[in-house]
Structure formats: C-alpha cells, structure tokens
C-alpha atoms as a PDB file:
ATOM      1  CA  MET A   1     -23.906  11.009  -0.844  1.00  0.00           C
ATOM      2  CA  SER A   2     -22.577   9.306  -3.948  1.00  0.00           C
ATOM      3  CA  ALA A   3     -22.593  10.764  -7.420  1.00  0.00           C
ATOM      4  CA  ARG A   4     -23.104   8.878 -10.649  1.00  0.00           C
ATOM      5  CA  TRP A   5     -21.141   9.894 -13.714  1.00  0.00           C
ATOM      6  CA  ARG A   6     -20.378   8.519 -17.112  1.00  0.00           C
ATOM      7  CA  TRP A   7     -17.002   7.993 -18.688  1.00  0.00           C
ATOM      8  CA  TRP A   8     -16.709   7.492 -22.456  1.00  0.00           C
ATOM      9  CA  ARG A   9     -13.975   5.222 -23.771  1.00  0.00           C
ATOM     10  CA  GLU A  10     -12.964   5.056 -27.404  1.00  0.00           C
ATOM     11  CA  ARG A  11     -10.898   2.437 -29.181  1.00  0.00           C
ATOM     12  CA  ARG A  12      -9.082   3.116 -32.429  1.00  0.00           C
ATOM     13  CA  VAL A  13      -7.708   0.367 -34.636  1.00  0.00           C
ATOM     14  CA  LYS A  14      -5.994   1.284 -37.871  1.00  0.00           C
ATOM     15  CA  GLY A  15      -8.112   0.404 -40.864  1.00  0.00           C
ATOM     16  CA  GLN A  16     -11.265  -0.126 -38.805  1.00  0.00           C
ATOM     17  CA  LYS A  17     -14.156   2.007 -37.641  1.00  0.00           C
ATOM     18  CA  ASN A  18     -13.626   3.587 -34.197  1.00  0.00           C
ATOM     19  CA  GLU A  19     -15.523   1.919 -31.363  1.00  0.00           C
ATOM     20  CA  GLY A  20     -16.787   3.648 -28.258  1.00  0.00           C
ATOM     21  CA  THR A  21     -18.464   2.529 -25.054  1.00  0.00           C
ATOM     22  CA  GLY A  22     -19.895   4.331 -22.055  1.00  0.00           C
ATOM     23  CA  HIS A  23     -19.072   3.279 -18.508  1.00  0.00           C
ATOM     24  CA  TYR A  24     -20.917   4.426 -15.391  1.00  0.00           C
ATOM     25  CA  TYR A  25     -19.203   4.961 -12.048  1.00  0.00           C
ATOM     26  CA  LEU A  26     -20.558   5.625  -8.558  1.00  0.00           C
ATOM     27  CA  THR A  27     -18.396   7.563  -6.145  1.00  0.00           C
ATOM     28  CA  SER A  28     -18.585   9.826  -3.134  1.00  0.00           C
ATOM     29  CA  LEU A  29     -15.260  11.415  -4.115  1.00  0.00           C
ATOM     30  CA  ARG A  30     -15.636  15.109  -4.907  1.00  0.00           C
ATOM     31  CA  VAL A  31     -12.832  15.928  -7.346  1.00  0.00           C
ATOM     32  CA  GLY A  32     -12.548  17.490 -10.763  1.00  0.00           C
ATOM     33  CA  ALA A  33     -12.908  15.627 -14.034  1.00  0.00           C
ATOM     34  CA  ALA A  34      -9.146  15.533 -14.738  1.00  0.00           C
ATOM     35  CA  GLU A  35      -8.326  13.983 -11.355  1.00  0.00           C
ATOM     36  CA  ARG A  36     -11.246  11.556 -11.637  1.00  0.00           C
ATOM     37  CA  ALA A  37     -10.020  10.497 -15.101  1.00  0.00           C
ATOM     38  CA  GLY A  38      -6.565   9.833 -13.606  1.00  0.00           C
ATOM     39  CA  TYR A  39      -8.051   7.507 -10.997  1.00  0.00           C
ATOM     40  CA  ILE A  40      -9.937   5.594 -13.680  1.00  0.00           C
ATOM     41  CA  ARG A  41      -6.914   5.245 -15.939  1.00  0.00           C
ATOM     42  CA  ASN A  42      -4.786   4.107 -13.048  1.00  0.00           C
ATOM     43  CA  HIS A  43      -7.388   1.476 -12.066  1.00  0.00           C
ATOM     44  CA  TRP A  44      -7.704   0.123 -15.601  1.00  0.00           C
ATOM     45  CA  GLY A  45      -3.934   0.147 -16.108  1.00  0.00           C
ATOM     46  CA  ILE A  46      -3.490  -2.124 -13.090  1.00  0.00           C
ATOM     47  CA  GLU A  47      -6.477  -4.252 -14.027  1.00  0.00           C
ATOM     48  CA  ASN A  48      -5.420  -4.710 -17.643  1.00  0.00           C
ATOM     49  CA  GLY A  49      -1.781  -5.330 -16.752  1.00  0.00           C
ATOM     50  CA  LEU A  50      -2.539  -8.098 -14.275  1.00  0.00           C
ATOM     51  CA  HIS A  51      -5.179  -9.830 -16.371  1.00  0.00           C
ATOM     52  CA  TRP A  52      -3.002  -9.672 -19.446  1.00  0.00           C
ATOM     53  CA  VAL A  53      -0.104 -11.303 -17.583  1.00  0.00           C
ATOM     54  CA  LEU A  54      -2.390 -13.962 -16.116  1.00  0.00           C
ATOM     55  CA  ASP A  55      -3.765 -14.784 -19.545  1.00  0.00           C
ATOM     56  CA  VAL A  56      -0.505 -14.725 -21.491  1.00  0.00           C
ATOM     57  CA  ALA A  57       1.907 -16.251 -18.950  1.00  0.00           C
ATOM     58  CA  PHE A  58      -0.488 -18.567 -17.121  1.00  0.00           C
ATOM     59  CA  LYS A  59      -3.185 -19.166 -19.759  1.00  0.00           C
ATOM     60  CA  GLU A  60      -5.801 -18.393 -17.092  1.00  0.00           C
ATOM     61  CA  ASP A  61      -8.611 -18.040 -19.659  1.00  0.00           C
ATOM     62  CA  ASP A  62      -7.984 -21.645 -20.732  1.00  0.00           C
ATOM     63  CA  SER A  63      -8.335 -23.017 -17.203  1.00  0.00           C
ATOM     64  CA  ARG A  64     -11.113 -25.586 -16.839  1.00  0.00           C
ATOM     65  CA  ALA A  65     -11.133 -25.736 -13.024  1.00  0.00           C
ATOM     66  CA  ARG A  66     -14.833 -25.869 -12.108  1.00  0.00           C
ATOM     67  CA  THR A  67     -15.260 -28.022  -9.020  1.00  0.00           C
ATOM     68  CA  GLY A  68     -15.777 -26.432  -5.605  1.00  0.00           C
ATOM     69  CA  HIS A  69     -13.329 -23.641  -4.860  1.00  0.00           C
ATOM     70  CA  ALA A  70     -10.680 -24.841  -7.355  1.00  0.00           C
ATOM     71  CA  ALA A  71     -10.935 -21.802  -9.649  1.00  0.00           C
ATOM     72  CA  ALA A  72     -10.642 -19.296  -6.778  1.00  0.00           C
ATOM     73  CA  ASN A  73      -7.773 -21.215  -5.193  1.00  0.00           C
ATOM     74  CA  LEU A  74      -5.825 -21.533  -8.438  1.00  0.00           C
ATOM     75  CA  GLY A  75      -6.468 -17.864  -9.192  1.00  0.00           C
ATOM     76  CA  LEU A  76      -4.999 -16.893  -5.825  1.00  0.00           C
ATOM     77  CA  LEU A  77      -1.923 -19.054  -6.437  1.00  0.00           C
ATOM     78  CA  ARG A  78      -1.435 -17.506  -9.885  1.00  0.00           C
ATOM     79  CA  ARG A  79      -1.564 -13.994  -8.430  1.00  0.00           C
ATOM     80  CA  VAL A  80       0.951 -14.888  -5.726  1.00  0.00           C
ATOM     81  CA  ALA A  81       3.221 -16.375  -8.411  1.00  0.00           C
ATOM     82  CA  VAL A  82       2.984 -13.204 -10.517  1.00  0.00           C
ATOM     83  CA  SER A  83       3.825 -11.101  -7.480  1.00  0.00           C
ATOM     84  CA  LEU A  84       6.863 -13.223  -6.615  1.00  0.00           C
ATOM     85  CA  LEU A  85       8.076 -13.365 -10.225  1.00  0.00           C
ATOM     86  CA  LYS A  86       7.803  -9.578 -10.569  1.00  0.00           C
ATOM     87  CA  ARG A  87      10.127  -9.136  -7.597  1.00  0.00           C
ATOM     88  CA  THR A  88      13.030 -10.915  -9.315  1.00  0.00           C
ATOM     89  CA  LYS A  89      15.710  -8.889 -11.074  1.00  0.00           C
ATOM     90  CA  VAL A  90      16.067 -11.373 -13.945  1.00  0.00           C
ATOM     91  CA  LYS A  91      15.526  -9.755 -17.322  1.00  0.00           C
ATOM     92  CA  GLY A  92      12.636 -10.955 -19.414  1.00  0.00           C
ATOM     93  CA  SER A  93       8.931 -11.355 -19.267  1.00  0.00           C
ATOM     94  CA  ILE A  94       6.943 -13.038 -16.533  1.00  0.00           C
ATOM     95  CA  LYS A  95       6.475 -15.956 -18.922  1.00  0.00           C
ATOM     96  CA  THR A  96      10.249 -16.264 -19.333  1.00  0.00           C
ATOM     97  CA  ARG A  97      10.829 -16.031 -15.587  1.00  0.00           C
ATOM     98  CA  ARG A  98       8.196 -18.700 -15.020  1.00  0.00           C
ATOM     99  CA  MET A  99       9.897 -21.015 -17.520  1.00  0.00           C
ATOM    100  CA  LYS A 100      13.281 -20.379 -15.873  1.00  0.00           C
ATOM    101  CA  ALA A 101      11.786 -21.285 -12.503  1.00  0.00           C
ATOM    102  CA  GLY A 102      10.616 -24.565 -14.050  1.00  0.00           C
ATOM    103  CA  TRP A 103      14.090 -25.338 -15.376  1.00  0.00           C
ATOM    104  CA  ASP A 104      16.354 -24.074 -12.591  1.00  0.00           C
ATOM    105  CA  ASP A 105      15.617 -25.313  -9.044  1.00  0.00           C
ATOM    106  CA  ASN A 106      17.945 -22.735  -7.467  1.00  0.00           C
ATOM    107  CA  TYR A 107      16.118 -19.896  -9.228  1.00  0.00           C
ATOM    108  CA  LEU A 108      12.755 -21.399  -8.220  1.00  0.00           C
ATOM    109  CA  LEU A 109      13.890 -21.504  -4.583  1.00  0.00           C
ATOM    110  CA  GLN A 110      14.934 -17.829  -4.759  1.00  0.00           C
ATOM    111  CA  VAL A 111      11.581 -16.887  -6.289  1.00  0.00           C
ATOM    112  CA  VAL A 112       9.545 -18.806  -3.714  1.00  0.00           C
ATOM    113  CA  GLN A 113      11.554 -17.402  -0.822  1.00  0.00           C
ATOM    114  CA  GLY A 114      11.040 -13.894  -2.172  1.00  0.00           C
ATOM    115  CA  ILE A 115      14.798 -13.319  -2.468  1.00  0.00           C
ATOM    116  CA  THR A 116      15.771 -10.896  -5.177  1.00  0.00           C
ATOM    117  CA  ALA A 117      17.176 -13.278  -7.765  1.00  0.00           C
ATOM    118  CA  GLN A 118      19.987 -12.067 -10.019  1.00  0.00           C
END
C-alpha cells in the first residue's frame, strides 16, 4: 500500500518575498519524516546537479533537436560525456574539461577511453 504525503519547499532570495511550493509524493516506504526528507533532498541534489551541468556546460536548454529520436539520442550522449568528464582528475569545471577535450586530442582520447586523465 502506498502513502501520499506533501513536502513543502521554500525559496528565499535576498530583497524579495519568500516563495513556497507544495510537492506531493507517493511511496510505499515506511520511514520517519527526517529520513524521508533526506531521500528527497538527495534526489533533488542529484537532479539539480546534473541538469545544471547539462544546461551550463552543454547548453541543453538551447538545443533545437526535434526530429525523430534526435533529442533523446543527443541527451544520452550528453549524459555519457558528463559521466566521462567527471571521471578525469583535471582541475576545473565540466565546461573547462569539455573545452580542453576540444583543444587537446590526447586529453580527448583519455576521456573517451575512460582513463583517469592527469
């Protein structure tokens, strides 16, 4: 049996009125509110982190791929690229690593092969 519960999220921006929204979740998990809140925060942390990287480093929101399965295929390739770029040990943002891969063929080869680049 699943339970429905509501989670209230509030956003505060200095100099502006606070904003709040309610979100509903369905789950069969029987845990306390604190543990449940941890699961939600963890989920949104991953979700926001990935989508932010895809938008900033890959400009995914600006993509105009509309024909057939192009959008889904390009989305998959972007996620694979983010995963490979995160594995490298090079300092800097994903955007910087992506640019370096475009400039340096040896670095690109290391990234594509999944070798930990230095």
